[in-house]
């Protein structure tokens, strides 16, 4: 349950980082930090989930972590051409 909560919080922070285009350059560093945290979460949880009893919590954690990674990756890709 703790991993799901962490994945949800990081997902909503990532979602909040999708601003108007003029703010992309300022949000590059927070997006990189969130991307690293989400990758660490998914790596750490993948080792832990084998011992988890609930499959639904495992799937939800992976889904929200993957969506957060996708949002940050989109932001970082869009920054390349604008800054």
C-alpha atoms as a PDB file:
ATOM      1  CA  UNK A   1       0.000   0.000   0.000  1.00  0.00           C
ATOM      2  CA  UNK A   2       2.902   2.318   0.740  1.00  0.00           C
ATOM      3  CA  UNK A   3       4.335   1.827  -2.754  1.00  0.00           C
ATOM      4  CA  UNK A   4       0.970   2.628  -4.338  1.00  0.00           C
ATOM      5  CA  UNK A   5       0.723   5.818  -2.299  1.00  0.00           C
ATOM      6  CA  UNK A   6       4.225   6.845  -3.362  1.00  0.00           C
ATOM      7  CA  UNK A   7       3.427   6.080  -7.004  1.00  0.00           C
ATOM      8  CA  UNK A   8       0.239   8.151  -6.831  1.00  0.00           C
ATOM      9  CA  UNK A   9       1.985  11.132  -5.255  1.00  0.00           C
ATOM     10  CA  UNK A  10       4.790  11.053  -7.817  1.00  0.00           C
ATOM     11  CA  UNK A  11       2.247  10.645 -10.635  1.00  0.00           C
ATOM     12  CA  UNK A  12       0.295  13.733  -9.579  1.00  0.00           C
ATOM     13  CA  UNK A  13       3.510  15.746  -9.188  1.00  0.00           C
ATOM     14  CA  UNK A  14       4.446  14.669 -12.719  1.00  0.00           C
ATOM     15  CA  UNK A  15       1.018  15.599 -13.991  1.00  0.00           C
ATOM     16  CA  UNK A  16       1.333  19.011 -12.382  1.00  0.00           C
ATOM     17  CA  UNK A  17       4.609  19.589 -14.236  1.00  0.00           C
ATOM     18  CA  UNK A  18       2.890  19.670 -17.632  1.00  0.00           C
ATOM     19  CA  UNK A  19       2.623  23.458 -17.872  1.00  0.00           C
ATOM     20  CA  UNK A  20       2.208  25.872 -20.738  1.00  0.00           C
ATOM     21  CA  UNK A  21       5.126  25.836 -23.163  1.00  0.00           C
ATOM     22  CA  UNK A  22       6.838  28.948 -21.790  1.00  0.00           C
ATOM     23  CA  UNK A  23       7.533  27.255 -18.439  1.00  0.00           C
ATOM     24  CA  UNK A  24       9.235  24.143 -19.823  1.00  0.00           C
ATOM     25  CA  UNK A  25      12.782  25.406 -19.359  1.00  0.00           C
ATOM     26  CA  UNK A  26      12.228  26.190 -15.668  1.00  0.00           C
ATOM     27  CA  UNK A  27      10.765  22.758 -14.883  1.00  0.00           C
ATOM     28  CA  UNK A  28      13.538  20.665 -16.409  1.00  0.00           C
ATOM     29  CA  UNK A  29      15.335  19.939 -13.116  1.00  0.00           C
ATOM     30  CA  UNK A  30      12.202  18.934 -11.147  1.00  0.00           C
ATOM     31  CA  UNK A  31      11.170  16.663 -14.027  1.00  0.00           C
ATOM     32  CA  UNK A  32      14.555  14.943 -13.968  1.00  0.00           C
ATOM     33  CA  UNK A  33      14.347  14.479 -10.181  1.00  0.00           C
ATOM     34  CA  UNK A  34      10.823  13.040 -10.420  1.00  0.00           C
ATOM     35  CA  UNK A  35      11.872  10.748 -13.262  1.00  0.00           C
ATOM     36  CA  UNK A  36      14.737   9.382 -11.182  1.00  0.00           C
ATOM     37  CA  UNK A  37      12.462   8.900  -8.143  1.00  0.00           C
ATOM     38  CA  UNK A  38       9.844   7.092 -10.220  1.00  0.00           C
ATOM     39  CA  UNK A  39      12.435   4.836 -11.840  1.00  0.00           C
ATOM     40  CA  UNK A  40      13.861   4.022  -8.395  1.00  0.00           C
ATOM     41  CA  UNK A  41      10.341   3.314  -7.119  1.00  0.00           C
ATOM     42  CA  UNK A  42       9.563   0.942  -9.956  1.00  0.00           C
ATOM     43  CA  UNK A  43      12.908  -0.866  -9.618  1.00  0.00           C
ATOM     44  CA  UNK A  44      12.574  -1.201  -5.844  1.00  0.00           C
ATOM     45  CA  UNK A  45       8.947  -2.282  -6.083  1.00  0.00           C
ATOM     46  CA  UNK A  46       9.653  -4.863  -8.793  1.00  0.00           C
ATOM     47  CA  UNK A  47      11.905  -6.659  -6.324  1.00  0.00           C
ATOM     48  CA  UNK A  48       9.359  -6.312  -3.526  1.00  0.00           C
ATOM     49  CA  UNK A  49       6.183  -7.257  -5.444  1.00  0.00           C
ATOM     50  CA  UNK A  50       7.084 -10.944  -5.552  1.00  0.00           C
ATOM     51  CA  UNK A  51       6.310 -11.016  -1.845  1.00  0.00           C
ATOM     52  CA  UNK A  52       3.154  -8.943  -2.195  1.00  0.00           C
ATOM     53  CA  UNK A  53      -0.165 -10.658  -1.605  1.00  0.00           C
ATOM     54  CA  UNK A  54      -2.345  -8.295  -3.615  1.00  0.00           C
ATOM     55  CA  UNK A  55      -2.080  -8.358  -7.384  1.00  0.00           C
ATOM     56  CA  UNK A  56      -4.333  -5.315  -7.810  1.00  0.00           C
ATOM     57  CA  UNK A  57      -2.043  -3.129  -5.711  1.00  0.00           C
ATOM     58  CA  UNK A  58       0.951  -4.303  -7.720  1.00  0.00           C
ATOM     59  CA  UNK A  59      -0.725  -3.511 -11.037  1.00  0.00           C
ATOM     60  CA  UNK A  60      -1.919  -0.098  -9.836  1.00  0.00           C
ATOM     61  CA  UNK A  61       1.545   0.790  -8.564  1.00  0.00           C
ATOM     62  CA  UNK A  62       3.153  -0.126 -11.875  1.00  0.00           C
ATOM     63  CA  UNK A  63       0.485   1.732 -13.883  1.00  0.00           C
ATOM     64  CA  UNK A  64       0.793   4.991 -11.956  1.00  0.00           C
ATOM     65  CA  UNK A  65       4.594   4.822 -11.874  1.00  0.00           C
ATOM     66  CA  UNK A  66       4.690   4.172 -15.633  1.00  0.00           C
ATOM     67  CA  UNK A  67       2.295   7.046 -16.314  1.00  0.00           C
ATOM     68  CA  UNK A  68       4.407   9.387 -14.193  1.00  0.00           C
ATOM     69  CA  UNK A  69       7.518   8.306 -16.081  1.00  0.00           C
ATOM     70  CA  UNK A  70       5.709   8.901 -19.375  1.00  0.00           C
ATOM     71  CA  UNK A  71       4.595  12.416 -18.372  1.00  0.00           C
ATOM     72  CA  UNK A  72       8.126  13.353 -17.305  1.00  0.00           C
ATOM     73  CA  UNK A  73       9.616  11.870 -20.454  1.00  0.00           C
ATOM     74  CA  UNK A  74       7.192  13.883 -22.611  1.00  0.00           C
ATOM     75  CA  UNK A  75       8.113  17.058 -20.753  1.00  0.00           C
ATOM     76  CA  UNK A  76      11.845  16.402 -21.121  1.00  0.00           C
ATOM     77  CA  UNK A  77      11.479  15.593 -24.831  1.00  0.00           C
ATOM     78  CA  UNK A  78       9.540  18.804 -25.464  1.00  0.00           C
ATOM     79  CA  UNK A  79      12.202  20.825 -23.615  1.00  0.00           C
ATOM     80  CA  UNK A  80      14.932  19.707 -26.028  1.00  0.00           C
ATOM     81  CA  UNK A  81      13.644  21.822 -28.893  1.00  0.00           C
ATOM     82  CA  UNK A  82      12.587  24.856 -26.861  1.00  0.00           C
ATOM     83  CA  UNK A  83      15.528  25.671 -24.579  1.00  0.00           C
END
